[in-house]
Protein backbone atom coordinates (compact mmCIF):
# COMPACT_ATOMS: atom_id res chain seq x y z
CA UNK A 1 3.87 -72.14 10.90
CA UNK A 2 0.92 -73.72 12.73
CA UNK A 3 -2.53 -73.73 11.63
CA UNK A 4 -3.54 -73.13 14.84
CA UNK A 5 -2.32 -70.07 17.23
CA UNK A 6 0.03 -70.80 19.92
CA UNK A 7 -0.30 -69.83 23.51
CA UNK A 8 1.65 -66.12 23.92
CA UNK A 9 2.73 -64.51 27.09
CA UNK A 10 4.67 -61.14 27.37
CA UNK A 11 7.23 -60.21 30.17
CA UNK A 12 7.66 -57.04 30.87
CA UNK A 13 9.84 -55.29 33.60
CA UNK A 14 7.91 -52.90 34.93
CA UNK A 15 4.70 -50.93 35.27
CA UNK A 16 6.72 -47.90 33.32
CA UNK A 17 8.12 -50.04 30.69
CA UNK A 18 4.49 -51.49 29.44
CA UNK A 19 3.51 -48.50 26.77
CA UNK A 20 7.12 -48.49 25.28
CA UNK A 21 6.15 -52.61 24.96
CA UNK A 22 3.30 -52.10 23.46
CA UNK A 23 4.64 -49.63 20.78
CA UNK A 24 7.67 -51.78 19.64
CA UNK A 25 5.22 -54.79 20.00
CA UNK A 26 2.59 -53.59 17.76
CA UNK A 27 5.49 -52.84 15.19
CA UNK A 28 7.04 -55.92 15.72
CA UNK A 29 3.61 -58.09 15.08
CA UNK A 30 2.85 -55.45 11.94
CA UNK A 31 6.68 -56.79 10.23
CA UNK A 32 5.91 -60.40 11.46
CA UNK A 33 2.06 -60.00 9.84
CA UNK A 34 3.21 -58.84 6.61
CA UNK A 35 6.23 -61.57 5.83
CA UNK A 36 3.24 -64.09 6.79
CA UNK A 37 0.17 -62.73 6.17
CA UNK A 38 -1.85 -66.35 5.57
CA UNK A 39 0.04 -67.51 9.80
CA UNK A 40 -1.49 -68.15 12.65
CA UNK A 41 -2.13 -64.72 14.65
CA UNK A 42 -0.77 -64.58 18.19
CA UNK A 43 -3.08 -65.54 21.13
CA UNK A 44 -1.25 -63.50 23.81
CA UNK A 45 -2.85 -64.79 27.51
CA UNK A 46 -1.65 -62.43 29.74
CA UNK A 47 1.59 -59.82 30.56
CA UNK A 48 3.64 -60.88 33.08
CA UNK A 49 5.11 -57.55 34.97
CA UNK A 50 8.52 -58.74 36.75
CA UNK A 51 11.99 -57.55 37.14
CA UNK A 52 12.77 -61.39 37.63
CA UNK A 53 10.97 -62.88 35.30
CA UNK A 54 12.86 -60.45 32.07
CA UNK A 55 16.43 -61.16 33.42
CA UNK A 56 15.91 -64.49 34.05
CA UNK A 57 14.01 -66.25 31.49
CA UNK A 58 12.62 -69.38 31.53
CA UNK A 59 13.12 -71.83 28.85
CA UNK A 60 9.92 -74.18 30.06
CA UNK A 61 6.59 -73.76 32.25
CA UNK A 62 4.80 -76.38 34.27
CA UNK A 63 1.40 -76.19 33.69
CA UNK A 64 -1.11 -78.14 36.24
CA UNK A 65 -3.62 -80.36 34.51
CA UNK A 66 -6.81 -82.11 36.29
CA UNK A 67 -6.33 -84.63 38.79
CA UNK A 68 -3.00 -82.97 40.05
CA UNK A 69 -0.93 -84.50 36.89
CA UNK A 70 1.32 -81.45 35.16
CA UNK A 71 2.87 -80.63 32.17
CA UNK A 72 5.94 -79.41 30.86
CA UNK A 73 5.61 -76.94 27.86
CA UNK A 74 8.09 -75.65 26.23
CA UNK A 75 9.18 -72.11 25.44
CA UNK A 76 9.84 -72.61 21.63
CA UNK A 77 10.68 -68.86 20.58
CA UNK A 78 11.32 -65.44 22.35
CA UNK A 79 11.80 -62.17 20.92
CA UNK A 80 12.22 -58.55 22.25
CA UNK A 81 14.69 -55.90 24.15
CA UNK A 82 16.48 -58.14 26.46
CA UNK A 83 15.96 -56.62 30.10
CA UNK A 84 12.66 -54.97 29.38
CA UNK A 85 10.06 -57.25 27.22
CA UNK A 86 10.00 -60.61 26.00
CA UNK A 87 7.46 -62.05 24.19
CA UNK A 88 7.37 -66.06 24.64
CA UNK A 89 5.98 -68.72 22.47
CA UNK A 90 4.91 -71.94 23.99
CA UNK A 91 4.95 -74.77 22.16
CA UNK A 92 1.06 -75.37 23.20
CA UNK A 93 -1.91 -74.67 21.43
CA UNK A 94 -3.58 -71.55 22.71
CA UNK A 95 -6.77 -73.36 23.64
CA UNK A 96 -4.37 -75.96 25.73
CA UNK A 97 -3.37 -73.30 27.86
CA UNK A 98 -5.87 -71.52 30.75
CA UNK A 99 -4.83 -67.83 32.38
CA UNK A 100 -5.16 -69.18 35.39
CA UNK A 101 -2.62 -72.38 34.73
CA UNK A 102 0.15 -69.70 33.30
CA UNK A 103 -0.10 -67.67 35.89
CA UNK A 104 0.37 -70.94 38.22
CA UNK A 105 3.05 -71.69 35.55
CA UNK A 106 4.65 -68.54 35.86
CA UNK A 107 3.97 -68.33 40.11
CA UNK A 108 6.22 -71.67 40.24
CA UNK A 109 8.83 -70.63 37.89
CA UNK A 110 10.01 -67.58 39.32
CA UNK A 111 9.61 -69.23 42.74
CA UNK A 112 6.78 -67.70 44.50
CA UNK A 113 4.15 -69.13 46.32
CA UNK A 114 0.89 -68.79 45.32
CA UNK A 115 -0.44 -68.44 49.05
CA UNK A 116 1.40 -65.15 49.15
CA UNK A 117 0.25 -63.18 45.74
CA UNK A 118 -1.10 -59.86 47.34
CA UNK A 119 2.66 -59.89 48.78
CA UNK A 120 4.21 -59.71 45.34
CA UNK A 121 5.88 -57.11 43.39
CA UNK A 122 4.84 -59.39 40.04
CA UNK A 123 1.58 -58.54 38.69
CA UNK A 124 -0.30 -60.38 35.89
CA UNK A 125 -2.38 -58.76 33.43
CA UNK A 126 -4.87 -60.81 31.71
CA UNK A 127 -4.96 -60.12 27.82
CA UNK A 128 -8.46 -60.72 25.66
CA UNK A 129 -9.20 -60.10 21.91
CA UNK A 130 -11.17 -56.85 21.63
CA UNK A 131 -14.20 -59.28 19.88
CA UNK A 132 -14.11 -60.99 23.29
CA UNK A 133 -17.53 -60.22 25.08
CA UNK A 134 -17.50 -58.51 28.03
CA UNK A 135 -19.50 -60.93 30.05
CA UNK A 136 -16.90 -64.08 29.36
CA UNK A 137 -14.01 -61.68 30.03
CA UNK A 138 -15.61 -60.09 33.29
CA UNK A 139 -16.06 -63.90 34.27
CA UNK A 140 -12.39 -65.23 33.65
CA UNK A 141 -11.09 -62.14 35.38
CA UNK A 142 -13.22 -62.63 38.43
CA UNK A 143 -12.13 -66.12 38.87
CA UNK A 144 -8.52 -64.93 38.16
CA UNK A 145 -8.78 -62.43 41.01
CA UNK A 146 -10.43 -64.91 43.51
CA UNK A 147 -7.58 -67.56 42.43
CA UNK A 148 -4.34 -64.85 42.76
CA UNK A 149 -5.73 -62.14 44.93
CA UNK A 150 -3.63 -58.89 44.68
CA UNK A 151 -1.76 -60.35 41.49
CA UNK A 152 -3.99 -59.46 38.68
CA UNK A 153 -4.87 -56.46 37.34
CA UNK A 154 -7.40 -55.42 35.00
CA UNK A 155 -7.38 -56.85 31.33
CA UNK A 156 -6.25 -55.17 28.59
CA UNK A 157 -7.35 -55.82 24.84
CA UNK A 158 -6.15 -56.38 21.83
CA UNK A 159 -6.91 -55.06 18.45
CA UNK A 160 -7.13 -57.07 15.17
CA UNK A 161 -3.29 -56.43 14.32
CA UNK A 162 -2.70 -57.52 17.34
CA UNK A 163 -1.77 -54.26 19.04
CA UNK A 164 -2.59 -53.89 22.81
CA UNK A 165 -4.97 -51.50 23.57
CA UNK A 166 -3.64 -49.49 26.35
CA UNK A 167 -6.05 -47.43 28.62
CA UNK A 168 -5.20 -43.65 28.10
CA UNK A 169 -3.02 -42.23 30.75
CA UNK A 170 -3.80 -39.92 33.45
CA UNK A 171 -2.66 -37.06 34.27
CA UNK A 172 -1.56 -36.91 37.83
CA UNK A 173 -1.39 -34.05 40.20
CA UNK A 174 1.98 -33.51 42.32
CA UNK A 175 3.39 -36.40 43.80
CA UNK A 176 4.02 -39.78 42.22
CA UNK A 177 1.75 -41.40 40.40
CA UNK A 178 -0.53 -43.75 41.65
């Protein structure tokens, strides 16, 4: 097990699967941490919501680097419920993969143009640890939304056990949920 946490992202088929993915992910990570209590915790960078992403799992992502260079980062391991959600571990350390670069790599991987992010069905939810300062999360969210208009949603947070803290479900009166 690496001494430094690897970068991890979650692929989810659709919004309706997010609650299920969160519950199953928390159970899986709990088991993983009990088996290896001294291991580095997962650093989930974000959630990519896209039917295509879950159906066509990538084996690597191409991340942009400074000066226009690019680097290929393999996906070392995946786990989840195939077709619904998949947790993907990258070979890179968490500190070496920014959320902005992760989104760029996911867009390219699934054949989307950065210029069309507002019209895509896919969405990205940045995920932060629950001890991340509000200012840090807000600044990063602002940068993500400026770079990828219409693609980036409000962030979610990880609790101390690695489980996603989802907002409480809002009741819907009549019609379809918004």
